[in-house]
Amino acid sequence: MKILIDTNVVLDVVLNNAAFASNSKRIIELSEQKRFIGYISASAITDIFYISRKKLGEKIAKKTLKHLMHIFLPAP
């Protein structure tokens, strides 16, 4: 099964949004476990980097995005 993951789902985990982080984390874990093929849009990649860089700093944002690209495939 292929699933397109919304930007906000990823940001909930990256920025630890308490209201949604546990459910969003579970979605990411399932993709990491190859229970489905997870995709994020090409524009989400830049959005996630931009927002996480402002909150977490550039070094952590780059490391986080690199990790995410091992979990999800980019959807053009």
N, C-alpha and C. Protein backbone atom coordinates (compact mmCIF):
# COMPACT_ATOMS: atom_id res chain seq x y z
N MET A 1 0.84 -1.16 0.00
CA MET A 1 0.00 0.00 0.00
C MET A 1 0.89 1.24 0.00
N LYS A 2 0.50 2.25 -0.73
CA LYS A 2 1.21 3.52 -0.80
C LYS A 2 0.38 4.59 -0.11
N ILE A 3 1.04 5.40 0.71
CA ILE A 3 0.35 6.45 1.45
C ILE A 3 1.13 7.75 1.34
N LEU A 4 0.42 8.83 1.04
CA LEU A 4 1.02 10.16 1.02
C LEU A 4 0.84 10.77 2.41
N ILE A 5 1.94 11.08 3.05
CA ILE A 5 1.94 11.61 4.41
C ILE A 5 1.88 13.14 4.36
N ASP A 6 0.95 13.70 5.10
CA ASP A 6 0.79 15.14 5.15
C ASP A 6 1.97 15.79 5.88
N THR A 7 2.32 16.97 5.47
CA THR A 7 3.41 17.72 6.08
C THR A 7 3.22 17.87 7.59
N ASN A 8 1.99 18.14 8.00
CA ASN A 8 1.72 18.36 9.42
C ASN A 8 1.94 17.12 10.26
N VAL A 9 1.74 15.95 9.70
CA VAL A 9 2.00 14.70 10.43
C VAL A 9 3.48 14.63 10.78
N VAL A 10 4.31 14.92 9.81
CA VAL A 10 5.76 14.89 10.05
C VAL A 10 6.17 15.98 11.03
N LEU A 11 5.63 17.17 10.85
CA LEU A 11 5.99 18.28 11.74
C LEU A 11 5.53 18.03 13.18
N ASP A 12 4.41 17.34 13.36
CA ASP A 12 3.96 17.00 14.72
C ASP A 12 5.04 16.24 15.47
N VAL A 13 5.70 15.32 14.79
CA VAL A 13 6.74 14.52 15.42
C VAL A 13 8.04 15.31 15.55
N VAL A 14 8.44 15.95 14.48
CA VAL A 14 9.71 16.69 14.47
C VAL A 14 9.70 17.79 15.53
N LEU A 15 8.58 18.50 15.66
CA LEU A 15 8.50 19.61 16.60
C LEU A 15 7.86 19.21 17.93
N ASN A 16 7.55 17.92 18.07
CA ASN A 16 6.96 17.37 19.29
C ASN A 16 5.69 18.11 19.71
N ASN A 17 4.75 18.20 18.80
CA ASN A 17 3.45 18.81 19.08
C ASN A 17 2.65 17.83 19.94
N ALA A 18 2.57 18.12 21.21
CA ALA A 18 2.00 17.19 22.20
C ALA A 18 0.60 16.71 21.84
N ALA A 19 -0.20 17.55 21.24
CA ALA A 19 -1.59 17.18 20.93
C ALA A 19 -1.69 16.04 19.93
N PHE A 20 -0.73 15.94 19.01
CA PHE A 20 -0.82 14.96 17.93
C PHE A 20 0.40 14.07 17.78
N ALA A 21 1.43 14.30 18.54
CA ALA A 21 2.71 13.62 18.33
C ALA A 21 2.61 12.10 18.42
N SER A 22 1.83 11.57 19.34
CA SER A 22 1.80 10.11 19.50
C SER A 22 1.17 9.43 18.29
N ASN A 23 0.07 9.97 17.78
CA ASN A 23 -0.56 9.38 16.59
C ASN A 23 0.32 9.55 15.35
N SER A 24 0.91 10.71 15.22
CA SER A 24 1.77 10.97 14.07
C SER A 24 3.02 10.09 14.13
N LYS A 25 3.55 9.91 15.32
CA LYS A 25 4.73 9.06 15.48
C LYS A 25 4.42 7.63 15.06
N ARG A 26 3.24 7.17 15.38
CA ARG A 26 2.84 5.80 15.01
C ARG A 26 2.80 5.65 13.49
N ILE A 27 2.32 6.64 12.79
CA ILE A 27 2.29 6.60 11.32
C ILE A 27 3.70 6.50 10.77
N ILE A 28 4.61 7.29 11.31
CA ILE A 28 6.00 7.25 10.86
C ILE A 28 6.63 5.90 11.17
N GLU A 29 6.36 5.38 12.35
CA GLU A 29 6.90 4.06 12.72
C GLU A 29 6.42 2.97 11.77
N LEU A 30 5.15 3.01 11.39
CA LEU A 30 4.62 2.00 10.47
C LEU A 30 5.30 2.08 9.11
N SER A 31 5.59 3.27 8.67
CA SER A 31 6.30 3.43 7.41
C SER A 31 7.74 2.93 7.55
N GLU A 32 8.35 3.23 8.68
CA GLU A 32 9.72 2.78 8.94
C GLU A 32 9.80 1.25 8.98
N GLN A 33 8.75 0.62 9.46
CA GLN A 33 8.68 -0.84 9.54
C GLN A 33 8.24 -1.47 8.21
N LYS A 34 8.07 -0.65 7.20
CA LYS A 34 7.68 -1.09 5.85
C LYS A 34 6.29 -1.74 5.83
N ARG A 35 5.41 -1.30 6.73
CA ARG A 35 4.03 -1.79 6.71
C ARG A 35 3.28 -1.18 5.54
N PHE A 36 3.76 -0.05 5.06
CA PHE A 36 3.27 0.58 3.84
C PHE A 36 4.41 1.43 3.29
N ILE A 37 4.25 1.88 2.07
CA ILE A 37 5.25 2.75 1.45
C ILE A 37 4.79 4.18 1.68
N GLY A 38 5.58 4.93 2.44
CA GLY A 38 5.23 6.30 2.76
C GLY A 38 5.88 7.28 1.81
N TYR A 39 5.10 8.24 1.38
CA TYR A 39 5.58 9.31 0.50
C TYR A 39 5.33 10.65 1.17
N ILE A 40 6.21 11.60 0.92
CA ILE A 40 5.94 12.99 1.25
C ILE A 40 6.16 13.79 -0.03
N SER A 41 5.36 14.83 -0.18
CA SER A 41 5.46 15.61 -1.41
C SER A 41 6.79 16.36 -1.46
N ALA A 42 7.22 16.66 -2.66
CA ALA A 42 8.47 17.39 -2.85
C ALA A 42 8.41 18.75 -2.14
N SER A 43 7.26 19.39 -2.19
CA SER A 43 7.14 20.70 -1.52
C SER A 43 7.15 20.53 0.00
N ALA A 44 6.68 19.40 0.51
CA ALA A 44 6.70 19.16 1.95
C ALA A 44 8.14 19.08 2.46
N ILE A 45 9.02 18.55 1.65
CA ILE A 45 10.42 18.42 2.06
C ILE A 45 11.01 19.80 2.38
N THR A 46 10.78 20.74 1.49
CA THR A 46 11.31 22.09 1.73
C THR A 46 10.57 22.78 2.89
N ASP A 47 9.27 22.54 2.99
CA ASP A 47 8.50 23.13 4.09
C ASP A 47 8.96 22.60 5.44
N ILE A 48 9.17 21.30 5.52
CA ILE A 48 9.62 20.68 6.77
C ILE A 48 10.99 21.24 7.16
N PHE A 49 11.88 21.35 6.19
CA PHE A 49 13.20 21.90 6.49
C PHE A 49 13.09 23.35 6.96
N TYR A 50 12.33 24.16 6.25
CA TYR A 50 12.20 25.58 6.59
C TYR A 50 11.64 25.77 8.00
N ILE A 51 10.57 25.07 8.31
CA ILE A 51 9.92 25.23 9.62
C ILE A 51 10.78 24.65 10.74
N SER A 52 11.34 23.47 10.52
CA SER A 52 12.15 22.86 11.58
C SER A 52 13.46 23.63 11.79
N ARG A 53 14.00 24.21 10.74
CA ARG A 53 15.23 25.01 10.88
C ARG A 53 14.99 26.22 11.78
N LYS A 54 13.82 26.85 11.63
CA LYS A 54 13.50 28.01 12.45
C LYS A 54 13.34 27.63 13.92
N LYS A 55 12.81 26.44 14.18
CA LYS A 55 12.55 26.02 15.56
C LYS A 55 13.72 25.27 16.20
N LEU A 56 14.46 24.49 15.39
CA LEU A 56 15.47 23.60 15.95
C LEU A 56 16.90 23.94 15.58
N GLY A 57 17.06 24.81 14.61
CA GLY A 57 18.40 25.14 14.13
C GLY A 57 18.72 24.34 12.87
N GLU A 58 19.64 24.88 12.07
CA GLU A 58 19.94 24.30 10.76
C GLU A 58 20.54 22.91 10.85
N LYS A 59 21.48 22.71 11.77
CA LYS A 59 22.16 21.43 11.87
C LYS A 59 21.17 20.30 12.19
N ILE A 60 20.32 20.51 13.16
CA ILE A 60 19.34 19.49 13.55
C ILE A 60 18.30 19.30 12.44
N ALA A 61 17.90 20.38 11.80
CA ALA A 61 16.92 20.29 10.71
C ALA A 61 17.47 19.44 9.56
N LYS A 62 18.74 19.63 9.21
CA LYS A 62 19.34 18.83 8.14
C LYS A 62 19.42 17.36 8.52
N LYS A 63 19.83 17.10 9.74
CA LYS A 63 19.93 15.72 10.23
C LYS A 63 18.55 15.05 10.24
N THR A 64 17.56 15.77 10.69
CA THR A 64 16.19 15.25 10.74
C THR A 64 15.68 14.94 9.34
N LEU A 65 15.89 15.86 8.42
CA LEU A 65 15.42 15.65 7.05
C LEU A 65 16.13 14.48 6.39
N LYS A 66 17.41 14.33 6.65
CA LYS A 66 18.15 13.20 6.11
C LYS A 66 17.55 11.88 6.62
N HIS A 67 17.22 11.85 7.90
CA HIS A 67 16.59 10.65 8.48
C HIS A 67 15.22 10.40 7.84
N LEU A 68 14.45 11.44 7.67
CA LEU A 68 13.12 11.29 7.07
C LEU A 68 13.19 10.75 5.65
N MET A 69 14.23 11.12 4.92
CA MET A 69 14.36 10.66 3.55
C MET A 69 14.74 9.18 3.48
N HIS A 70 15.14 8.59 4.60
CA HIS A 70 15.37 7.14 4.66
C HIS A 70 14.05 6.41 4.96
N ILE A 71 13.08 7.15 5.48
CA ILE A 71 11.79 6.55 5.82
C ILE A 71 10.78 6.73 4.69
N PHE A 72 10.74 7.92 4.13
CA PHE A 72 9.76 8.26 3.10
C PHE A 72 10.41 8.47 1.74
N LEU A 73 9.62 8.25 0.72
CA LEU A 73 10.04 8.55 -0.65
C LEU A 73 9.44 9.88 -1.05
N PRO A 74 10.16 10.66 -1.87
CA PRO A 74 9.58 11.92 -2.34
C PRO A 74 8.56 11.69 -3.45
N ALA A 75 7.46 12.37 -3.35
CA ALA A 75 6.43 12.31 -4.40
C ALA A 75 6.49 13.61 -5.18
N PRO A 76 6.71 13.52 -6.49
CA PRO A 76 6.81 14.76 -7.28
C PRO A 76 5.48 15.50 -7.37
